[in-house]
Amino acid sequence: MTTKKTSFLTTSQVLFIHDQMIKRFNGSPGIRDIGLIKSVIARPQATFENKYLYVSIFDKAASLLQSLLKNHPFIDGNKRTALTSAGLFLWKNEYKLVNHYKEEVKFTVRASSKNLTVEQISKWLKIHSVKISK
């Protein structure tokens, strides 16, 4: 049995996503703290004794989404960037969110305002995703 390697997002990809979200939906461009962005990118990759702290793909995506929501590394567009980044991360790892975009936005706002845990976010992502083959 072979284990597929997880494909993580890069800082450049998250910066590109943010730029596109600001262009598409308007808002103030700008980075509040590049160190926070790098921290956000590193969180899903965190390990202890050579084992991922966030085991499933959905846990990793949830940690990414939650970190972008909580850390506010951008001047504006943090929620849109969080949602799109989590969606791209899932897609890179052969999953796709299957909700209407408005449902996803509603969930992201709830995750931010209610301070949902990684476990709660992960569960929602898993329920609302399907496996794809690329």
C-alpha atoms as a PDB file:
ATOM      1  CA  MET A   1       0.000   0.000   0.000  1.00  0.00           C
ATOM      2  CA  THR A   2       1.354   3.429  -0.880  1.00  0.00           C
ATOM      3  CA  THR A   3       0.600   6.516   1.126  1.00  0.00           C
ATOM      4  CA  LYS A   4      -0.004   9.655  -0.878  1.00  0.00           C
ATOM      5  CA  LYS A   5       2.074  12.584   0.270  1.00  0.00           C
ATOM      6  CA  THR A   6       0.125  15.590   1.497  1.00  0.00           C
ATOM      7  CA  SER A   7       0.367  18.625  -0.762  1.00  0.00           C
ATOM      8  CA  PHE A   8       0.587  21.777   1.370  1.00  0.00           C
ATOM      9  CA  LEU A   9       0.021  25.375   0.306  1.00  0.00           C
ATOM     10  CA  THR A  10       2.936  27.745  -0.035  1.00  0.00           C
ATOM     11  CA  THR A  11       3.171  31.303   1.225  1.00  0.00           C
ATOM     12  CA  SER A  12       3.101  32.492  -2.399  1.00  0.00           C
ATOM     13  CA  GLN A  13      -0.141  30.625  -3.053  1.00  0.00           C
ATOM     14  CA  VAL A  14      -1.874  32.144  -0.022  1.00  0.00           C
ATOM     15  CA  LEU A  15      -0.627  35.623  -0.983  1.00  0.00           C
ATOM     16  CA  PHE A  16      -1.940  35.077  -4.522  1.00  0.00           C
ATOM     17  CA  ILE A  17      -5.319  33.906  -3.182  1.00  0.00           C
ATOM     18  CA  HIS A  18      -5.535  36.990  -0.987  1.00  0.00           C
ATOM     19  CA  ASP A  19      -4.669  39.274  -3.904  1.00  0.00           C
ATOM     20  CA  GLN A  20      -7.365  37.652  -6.052  1.00  0.00           C
ATOM     21  CA  MET A  21      -9.980  37.911  -3.277  1.00  0.00           C
ATOM     22  CA  ILE A  22      -9.278  41.632  -2.831  1.00  0.00           C
ATOM     23  CA  LYS A  23      -9.479  42.215  -6.602  1.00  0.00           C
ATOM     24  CA  ARG A  24     -12.704  40.247  -6.942  1.00  0.00           C
ATOM     25  CA  PHE A  25     -14.597  41.400  -3.849  1.00  0.00           C
ATOM     26  CA  ASN A  26     -12.844  44.705  -3.094  1.00  0.00           C
ATOM     27  CA  GLY A  27     -11.298  45.588   0.223  1.00  0.00           C
ATOM     28  CA  SER A  28      -8.059  47.026   1.472  1.00  0.00           C
ATOM     29  CA  PRO A  29      -4.981  45.251   0.129  1.00  0.00           C
ATOM     30  CA  GLY A  30      -2.008  44.669   2.333  1.00  0.00           C
ATOM     31  CA  ILE A  31      -0.265  42.312   4.679  1.00  0.00           C
ATOM     32  CA  ARG A  32      -0.489  42.996   8.388  1.00  0.00           C
ATOM     33  CA  ASP A  33       2.279  40.520   9.300  1.00  0.00           C
ATOM     34  CA  ILE A  34       4.171  38.192   6.918  1.00  0.00           C
ATOM     35  CA  GLY A  35       5.367  36.205   9.935  1.00  0.00           C
ATOM     36  CA  LEU A  36       1.763  35.347  10.770  1.00  0.00           C
ATOM     37  CA  ILE A  37       1.203  34.143   7.213  1.00  0.00           C
ATOM     38  CA  LYS A  38       4.234  31.872   7.441  1.00  0.00           C
ATOM     39  CA  SER A  39       2.968  30.597  10.790  1.00  0.00           C
ATOM     40  CA  VAL A  40      -0.449  29.870   9.269  1.00  0.00           C
ATOM     41  CA  ILE A  41       1.185  27.926   6.425  1.00  0.00           C
ATOM     42  CA  ALA A  42       3.327  25.929   8.867  1.00  0.00           C
ATOM     43  CA  ARG A  43       0.516  24.928  11.236  1.00  0.00           C
ATOM     44  CA  PRO A  44      -1.027  22.109   9.130  1.00  0.00           C
ATOM     45  CA  GLN A  45       2.494  20.706   8.675  1.00  0.00           C
ATOM     46  CA  ALA A  46       3.277  20.605  12.407  1.00  0.00           C
ATOM     47  CA  THR A  47       4.645  17.326  13.740  1.00  0.00           C
ATOM     48  CA  PHE A  48       5.631  15.780  17.047  1.00  0.00           C
ATOM     49  CA  GLU A  49       7.881  12.725  17.095  1.00  0.00           C
ATOM     50  CA  ASN A  50       7.595  12.520  13.297  1.00  0.00           C
ATOM     51  CA  LYS A  51       3.776  12.363  13.338  1.00  0.00           C
ATOM     52  CA  TYR A  52       1.439  15.067  12.123  1.00  0.00           C
ATOM     53  CA  LEU A  53      -0.432  16.891  14.883  1.00  0.00           C
ATOM     54  CA  TYR A  54      -3.330  17.289  12.451  1.00  0.00           C
ATOM     55  CA  VAL A  55      -3.809  13.775  11.150  1.00  0.00           C
ATOM     56  CA  SER A  56      -6.506  13.886   8.477  1.00  0.00           C
ATOM     57  CA  ILE A  57      -6.621  16.076   5.388  1.00  0.00           C
ATOM     58  CA  PHE A  58      -9.680  17.740   6.919  1.00  0.00           C
ATOM     59  CA  ASP A  59      -7.853  18.438  10.193  1.00  0.00           C
ATOM     60  CA  LYS A  60      -5.028  20.044   8.228  1.00  0.00           C
ATOM     61  CA  ALA A  61      -7.454  22.141   6.149  1.00  0.00           C
ATOM     62  CA  ALA A  62      -9.312  23.122   9.330  1.00  0.00           C
ATOM     63  CA  SER A  63      -6.110  24.228  11.055  1.00  0.00           C
ATOM     64  CA  LEU A  64      -5.257  26.370   8.025  1.00  0.00           C
ATOM     65  CA  LEU A  65      -8.717  27.942   7.896  1.00  0.00           C
ATOM     66  CA  GLN A  66      -8.842  28.550  11.652  1.00  0.00           C
ATOM     67  CA  SER A  67      -5.354  30.095  11.717  1.00  0.00           C
ATOM     68  CA  LEU A  68      -6.179  32.533   8.935  1.00  0.00           C
ATOM     69  CA  LEU A  69      -9.395  33.500  10.736  1.00  0.00           C
ATOM     70  CA  LYS A  70      -7.817  33.947  14.165  1.00  0.00           C
ATOM     71  CA  ASN A  71      -4.473  35.508  13.236  1.00  0.00           C
ATOM     72  CA  HIS A  72      -5.795  38.139  10.780  1.00  0.00           C
ATOM     73  CA  PRO A  73      -2.499  38.326   8.858  1.00  0.00           C
ATOM     74  CA  PHE A  74      -4.020  40.592   6.186  1.00  0.00           C
ATOM     75  CA  ILE A  75      -5.460  44.103   6.433  1.00  0.00           C
ATOM     76  CA  ASP A  76      -8.715  42.880   4.861  1.00  0.00           C
ATOM     77  CA  GLY A  77     -10.087  39.715   3.253  1.00  0.00           C
ATOM     78  CA  ASN A  78      -9.009  37.238   5.930  1.00  0.00           C
ATOM     79  CA  LYS A  79     -12.249  35.202   5.854  1.00  0.00           C
ATOM     80  CA  ARG A  80     -12.362  35.021   2.054  1.00  0.00           C
ATOM     81  CA  THR A  81      -8.690  34.066   1.945  1.00  0.00           C
ATOM     82  CA  ALA A  82      -9.214  31.445   4.676  1.00  0.00           C
ATOM     83  CA  LEU A  83     -12.107  29.792   2.848  1.00  0.00           C
ATOM     84  CA  THR A  84     -10.413  29.807  -0.546  1.00  0.00           C
ATOM     85  CA  SER A  85      -7.100  28.585   0.896  1.00  0.00           C
ATOM     86  CA  ALA A  86      -8.803  25.683   2.672  1.00  0.00           C
ATOM     87  CA  GLY A  87     -10.669  24.852  -0.537  1.00  0.00           C
ATOM     88  CA  LEU A  88      -7.461  24.879  -2.590  1.00  0.00           C
ATOM     89  CA  PHE A  89      -5.680  22.766   0.021  1.00  0.00           C
ATOM     90  CA  LEU A  90      -8.475  20.182  -0.167  1.00  0.00           C
ATOM     91  CA  TRP A  91      -8.419  20.262  -3.980  1.00  0.00           C
ATOM     92  CA  LYS A  92      -4.636  19.744  -4.049  1.00  0.00           C
ATOM     93  CA  ASN A  93      -5.251  16.671  -1.894  1.00  0.00           C
ATOM     94  CA  GLU A  94      -8.067  15.301  -4.070  1.00  0.00           C
ATOM     95  CA  TYR A  95     -11.146  16.611  -2.262  1.00  0.00           C
ATOM     96  CA  LYS A  96     -13.642  19.256  -3.264  1.00  0.00           C
ATOM     97  CA  LEU A  97     -16.131  21.291  -1.242  1.00  0.00           C
ATOM     98  CA  VAL A  98     -19.621  20.615  -2.591  1.00  0.00           C
ATOM     99  CA  ASN A  99     -21.679  23.449  -1.118  1.00  0.00           C
ATOM    100  CA  HIS A 100     -22.969  26.519  -2.807  1.00  0.00           C
ATOM    101  CA  TYR A 101     -20.453  29.323  -2.240  1.00  0.00           C
ATOM    102  CA  LYS A 102     -22.949  31.240  -0.062  1.00  0.00           C
ATOM    103  CA  GLU A 103     -23.174  28.264   2.332  1.00  0.00           C
ATOM    104  CA  GLU A 104     -19.395  28.138   2.572  1.00  0.00           C
ATOM    105  CA  VAL A 105     -19.219  31.868   3.296  1.00  0.00           C
ATOM    106  CA  LYS A 106     -21.916  31.516   5.948  1.00  0.00           C
ATOM    107  CA  PHE A 107     -19.955  28.710   7.603  1.00  0.00           C
ATOM    108  CA  THR A 108     -16.705  30.703   7.487  1.00  0.00           C
ATOM    109  CA  VAL A 109     -18.359  33.688   9.164  1.00  0.00           C
ATOM    110  CA  ARG A 110     -19.767  31.340  11.814  1.00  0.00           C
ATOM    111  CA  ALA A 111     -16.366  29.687  12.318  1.00  0.00           C
ATOM    112  CA  SER A 112     -14.838  33.120  12.848  1.00  0.00           C
ATOM    113  CA  SER A 113     -17.500  34.668  15.059  1.00  0.00           C
ATOM    114  CA  LYS A 114     -18.145  31.566  17.178  1.00  0.00           C
ATOM    115  CA  ASN A 115     -14.448  30.619  17.463  1.00  0.00           C
ATOM    116  CA  LEU A 116     -15.087  27.080  16.248  1.00  0.00           C
ATOM    117  CA  THR A 117     -12.434  24.504  17.115  1.00  0.00           C
ATOM    118  CA  VAL A 118     -10.276  22.704  14.573  1.00  0.00           C
ATOM    119  CA  GLU A 119     -12.337  19.585  15.297  1.00  0.00           C
ATOM    120  CA  GLN A 120     -15.634  21.371  14.553  1.00  0.00           C
ATOM    121  CA  ILE A 121     -14.272  22.907  11.357  1.00  0.00           C
ATOM    122  CA  SER A 122     -12.750  19.584  10.279  1.00  0.00           C
ATOM    123  CA  LYS A 123     -16.060  17.787  10.778  1.00  0.00           C
ATOM    124  CA  TRP A 124     -17.890  20.377   8.654  1.00  0.00           C
ATOM    125  CA  LEU A 125     -15.261  20.192   5.898  1.00  0.00           C
ATOM    126  CA  LYS A 126     -15.437  16.390   5.827  1.00  0.00           C
ATOM    127  CA  ILE A 127     -19.238  16.321   5.632  1.00  0.00           C
ATOM    128  CA  HIS A 128     -19.242  18.917   2.840  1.00  0.00           C
ATOM    129  CA  SER A 129     -16.470  17.450   0.673  1.00  0.00           C
ATOM    130  CA  VAL A 130     -16.237  14.716  -1.922  1.00  0.00           C
ATOM    131  CA  LYS A 131     -13.230  12.757  -3.138  1.00  0.00           C
ATOM    132  CA  ILE A 132     -12.075  13.686  -6.634  1.00  0.00           C
ATOM    133  CA  SER A 133      -9.539  12.131  -8.950  1.00  0.00           C
ATOM    134  CA  LYS A 134      -7.123  14.323 -10.825  1.00  0.00           C
END
